C-alpha atoms as a PDB file:
ATOM      1  CA  MET A   1      35.977 -18.335 -43.835  1.00  0.00           C
ATOM      2  CA  LYS A   2      37.184 -20.591 -41.040  1.00  0.00           C
ATOM      3  CA  TRP A   3      36.099 -21.117 -37.433  1.00  0.00           C
ATOM      4  CA  PHE A   4      38.547 -20.541 -34.596  1.00  0.00           C
ATOM      5  CA  LEU A   5      38.228 -21.359 -30.919  1.00  0.00           C
ATOM      6  CA  VAL A   6      39.559 -18.493 -28.811  1.00  0.00           C
ATOM      7  CA  ARG A   7      40.397 -18.789 -25.116  1.00  0.00           C
ATOM      8  CA  TYR A   8      40.145 -15.454 -23.322  1.00  0.00           C
ATOM      9  CA  ILE A   9      41.405 -14.733 -19.800  1.00  0.00           C
ATOM     10  CA  TYR A  10      39.821 -11.919 -17.781  1.00  0.00           C
ATOM     11  CA  GLU A  11      40.249 -10.695 -14.240  1.00  0.00           C
ATOM     12  CA  ILE A  12      36.957  -9.856 -12.581  1.00  0.00           C
ATOM     13  CA  VAL A  13      37.360  -6.539 -10.768  1.00  0.00           C
ATOM     14  CA  CYS A  14      34.812  -5.585  -8.148  1.00  0.00           C
ATOM     15  CA  GLY A  15      34.593  -2.297  -6.261  1.00  0.00           C
ATOM     16  CA  ASP A  16      37.794  -1.179  -4.556  1.00  0.00           C
ATOM     17  CA  GLY A  17      39.498  -4.529  -5.146  1.00  0.00           C
ATOM     18  CA  ASN A  18      39.261  -5.681  -1.530  1.00  0.00           C
ATOM     19  CA  TYR A  19      38.176  -9.251  -2.351  1.00  0.00           C
ATOM     20  CA  LYS A  20      39.570 -12.625  -3.315  1.00  0.00           C
ATOM     21  CA  SER A  21      40.954 -12.486  -6.870  1.00  0.00           C
ATOM     22  CA  GLN A  22      38.760 -14.037  -9.540  1.00  0.00           C
ATOM     23  CA  PHE A  23      39.648 -14.879 -13.118  1.00  0.00           C
ATOM     24  CA  ASP A  24      37.215 -15.798 -15.876  1.00  0.00           C
ATOM     25  CA  GLU A  25      38.386 -18.136 -18.623  1.00  0.00           C
ATOM     26  CA  GLN A  26      36.102 -18.053 -21.659  1.00  0.00           C
ATOM     27  CA  LEU A  27      35.969 -20.112 -24.829  1.00  0.00           C
ATOM     28  CA  ARG A  28      34.458 -18.257 -27.783  1.00  0.00           C
ATOM     29  CA  LEU A  29      34.057 -18.966 -31.470  1.00  0.00           C
ATOM     30  CA  MET A  30      35.463 -16.509 -34.003  1.00  0.00           C
ATOM     31  CA  LEU A  31      34.917 -16.567 -37.774  1.00  0.00           C
ATOM     32  CA  ALA A  32      37.873 -15.317 -39.858  1.00  0.00           C
ATOM     33  CA  LEU A  33      39.856 -15.926 -43.043  1.00  0.00           C
ATOM     34  CA  ASN A  34      42.987 -17.115 -41.209  1.00  0.00           C
ATOM     35  CA  SER A  35      44.579 -17.301 -37.761  1.00  0.00           C
ATOM     36  CA  ALA A  36      46.147 -13.832 -38.003  1.00  0.00           C
ATOM     37  CA  GLU A  37      42.772 -12.263 -38.760  1.00  0.00           C
ATOM     38  CA  ALA A  38      41.123 -14.351 -36.029  1.00  0.00           C
ATOM     39  CA  LEU A  39      43.659 -13.166 -33.447  1.00  0.00           C
ATOM     40  CA  GLU A  40      43.274  -9.539 -34.501  1.00  0.00           C
ATOM     41  CA  LYS A  41      39.480  -9.808 -34.433  1.00  0.00           C
ATOM     42  CA  ALA A  42      39.567 -11.552 -31.052  1.00  0.00           C
ATOM     43  CA  GLU A  43      41.786  -8.860 -29.532  1.00  0.00           C
ATOM     44  CA  GLU A  44      39.604  -6.069 -30.953  1.00  0.00           C
ATOM     45  CA  SER A  45      36.469  -7.724 -29.514  1.00  0.00           C
ATOM     46  CA  ALA A  46      37.913  -8.558 -26.091  1.00  0.00           C
ATOM     47  CA  ASP A  47      36.602  -5.489 -24.270  1.00  0.00           C
ATOM     48  CA  SER A  48      33.118  -5.550 -25.804  1.00  0.00           C
ATOM     49  CA  PHE A  49      31.722  -8.765 -24.293  1.00  0.00           C
ATOM     50  CA  HIS A  50      31.040  -7.582 -20.734  1.00  0.00           C
ATOM     51  CA  PRO A  51      29.546  -4.200 -20.005  1.00  0.00           C
ATOM     52  CA  PRO A  52      30.248  -3.045 -16.431  1.00  0.00           C
ATOM     53  CA  PHE A  53      27.403  -3.344 -13.926  1.00  0.00           C
ATOM     54  CA  LYS A  54      26.742  -2.682 -10.262  1.00  0.00           C
ATOM     55  CA  ASN A  55      26.357  -5.694  -7.993  1.00  0.00           C
ATOM     56  CA  CYS A  56      23.846  -6.006  -5.141  1.00  0.00           C
ATOM     57  CA  SER A  57      26.242  -4.058  -2.892  1.00  0.00           C
ATOM     58  CA  GLY A  58      26.400  -1.169  -5.360  1.00  0.00           C
ATOM     59  CA  GLU A  59      29.989  -1.943  -6.334  1.00  0.00           C
ATOM     60  CA  LEU A  60      31.053  -1.622  -9.967  1.00  0.00           C
ATOM     61  CA  VAL A  61      31.965  -4.985 -11.514  1.00  0.00           C
ATOM     62  CA  THR A  62      34.190  -5.065 -14.604  1.00  0.00           C
ATOM     63  CA  TRP A  63      36.097  -7.674 -16.600  1.00  0.00           C
ATOM     64  CA  LYS A  64      39.723  -6.652 -17.152  1.00  0.00           C
ATOM     65  CA  PHE A  65      41.051  -8.307 -20.304  1.00  0.00           C
ATOM     66  CA  ILE A  66      44.309 -10.137 -19.526  1.00  0.00           C
ATOM     67  CA  CYS A  67      45.112 -11.991 -22.731  1.00  0.00           C
ATOM     68  CA  ILE A  68      44.122 -14.430 -25.411  1.00  0.00           C
ATOM     69  CA  ALA A  69      45.641 -17.646 -24.129  1.00  0.00           C
ATOM     70  CA  ASP A  70      44.873 -19.955 -27.074  1.00  0.00           C
ATOM     71  CA  LEU A  71      43.650 -19.833 -30.633  1.00  0.00           C
ATOM     72  CA  HIS A  72      42.798 -23.009 -32.538  1.00  0.00           C
ATOM     73  CA  GLU A  73      41.312 -23.492 -35.970  1.00  0.00           C
ATOM     74  CA  ILE A  74      38.414 -25.905 -35.804  1.00  0.00           C
ATOM     75  CA  GLN A  75      36.545 -27.752 -38.498  1.00  0.00           C
ATOM     76  CA  THR A  76      32.898 -26.929 -39.049  1.00  0.00           C
ATOM     77  CA  PRO A  77      31.231 -29.271 -36.571  1.00  0.00           C
ATOM     78  CA  ASP A  78      28.851 -32.041 -37.532  1.00  0.00           C
ATOM     79  CA  ASP A  79      25.611 -32.602 -35.657  1.00  0.00           C
ATOM     80  CA  GLY A  80      26.502 -34.136 -32.297  1.00  0.00           C
ATOM     81  CA  ALA A  81      30.217 -33.213 -32.480  1.00  0.00           C
ATOM     82  CA  GLU A  82      31.956 -33.314 -29.090  1.00  0.00           C
ATOM     83  CA  ILE A  83      33.323 -29.953 -27.983  1.00  0.00           C
ATOM     84  CA  ALA A  84      34.314 -30.784 -24.410  1.00  0.00           C
ATOM     85  CA  SER A  85      34.628 -33.718 -22.043  1.00  0.00           C
ATOM     86  CA  ILE A  86      35.021 -33.518 -18.278  1.00  0.00           C
ATOM     87  CA  MET A  87      36.064 -36.523 -16.200  1.00  0.00           C
ATOM     88  CA  HIS A  88      34.523 -36.772 -12.722  1.00  0.00           C
ATOM     89  CA  GLU A  89      35.718 -38.946  -9.833  1.00  0.00           C
ATOM     90  CA  PRO A  90      33.178 -38.107  -7.140  1.00  0.00           C
ATOM     91  CA  ILE A  91      33.805 -39.119  -3.550  1.00  0.00           C
ATOM     92  CA  ASP A  92      30.054 -39.501  -3.005  1.00  0.00           C
ATOM     93  CA  VAL A  93      28.694 -41.245  -6.125  1.00  0.00           C
ATOM     94  CA  PRO A  94      25.018 -41.304  -5.020  1.00  0.00           C
ATOM     95  CA  ALA A  95      25.124 -37.554  -4.260  1.00  0.00           C
ATOM     96  CA  PHE A  96      26.771 -36.879  -7.632  1.00  0.00           C
ATOM     97  CA  LEU A  97      24.126 -38.919  -9.494  1.00  0.00           C
ATOM     98  CA  ASP A  98      21.355 -37.204  -7.502  1.00  0.00           C
ATOM     99  CA  GLN A  99      22.724 -33.797  -8.556  1.00  0.00           C
ATOM    100  CA  VAL A 100      22.880 -34.928 -12.206  1.00  0.00           C
ATOM    101  CA  GLU A 101      19.252 -36.104 -12.007  1.00  0.00           C
ATOM    102  CA  LYS A 102      18.169 -32.762 -10.506  1.00  0.00           C
ATOM    103  CA  ARG A 103      19.880 -30.896 -13.354  1.00  0.00           C
ATOM    104  CA  GLN A 104      18.177 -33.125 -15.913  1.00  0.00           C
ATOM    105  CA  THR A 105      14.752 -32.554 -14.326  1.00  0.00           C
ATOM    106  CA  PHE A 106      15.305 -28.785 -14.198  1.00  0.00           C
ATOM    107  CA  LEU A 107      16.435 -28.699 -17.834  1.00  0.00           C
ATOM    108  CA  LYS A 108      13.423 -30.659 -19.065  1.00  0.00           C
ATOM    109  CA  GLU A 109      11.018 -28.503 -17.037  1.00  0.00           C
ATOM    110  CA  HIS A 110      12.716 -25.286 -18.162  1.00  0.00           C
ATOM    111  CA  ILE A 111      12.658 -26.286 -21.850  1.00  0.00           C
ATOM    112  CA  GLN A 112       9.004 -27.303 -21.561  1.00  0.00           C
ATOM    113  CA  PHE A 113       8.142 -23.965 -19.871  1.00  0.00           C
ATOM    114  CA  ILE A 114       9.939 -21.904 -22.536  1.00  0.00           C
ATOM    115  CA  THR A 115       8.350 -23.930 -25.340  1.00  0.00           C
ATOM    116  CA  SER A 116       4.861 -23.412 -23.884  1.00  0.00           C
ATOM    117  CA  GLU A 117       5.529 -19.662 -23.528  1.00  0.00           C
ATOM    118  CA  LEU A 118       6.598 -19.464 -27.175  1.00  0.00           C
ATOM    119  CA  ASP A 119       3.487 -21.400 -28.225  1.00  0.00           C
ATOM    120  CA  CYS A 120       1.406 -18.534 -26.806  1.00  0.00           C
ATOM    121  CA  PHE A 121       2.877 -16.205 -29.434  1.00  0.00           C
ATOM    122  CA  ASP A 122       1.894 -18.511 -32.289  1.00  0.00           C
ATOM    123  CA  ASN A 123      -1.836 -17.989 -31.685  1.00  0.00           C
END
């Protein structure tokens, strides 16, 4: 079996459609014997990822499958393997670094909270 990276494109449809168009681009991993099987499996799975729901305004929100835009075989990753890199050129460097620090603090606090909750189940 081989791993494949699949890039899905969806249109987010909300209510009567009277809104600014939104598209959701998703990267998902698919396990298959070869690229043909991966593509077939990806297409068959495309409509099962997002069940419809009603938003806070009571409007039905759905994801309309547009296409599979890319399919790439990937090697089984090693620990610490890079899967994405995003280059930033912020106009306000101090504000950017402040936001990064806030995210780091939130992540550490959130992980600590979840870990302590799970510890309660061990007793």
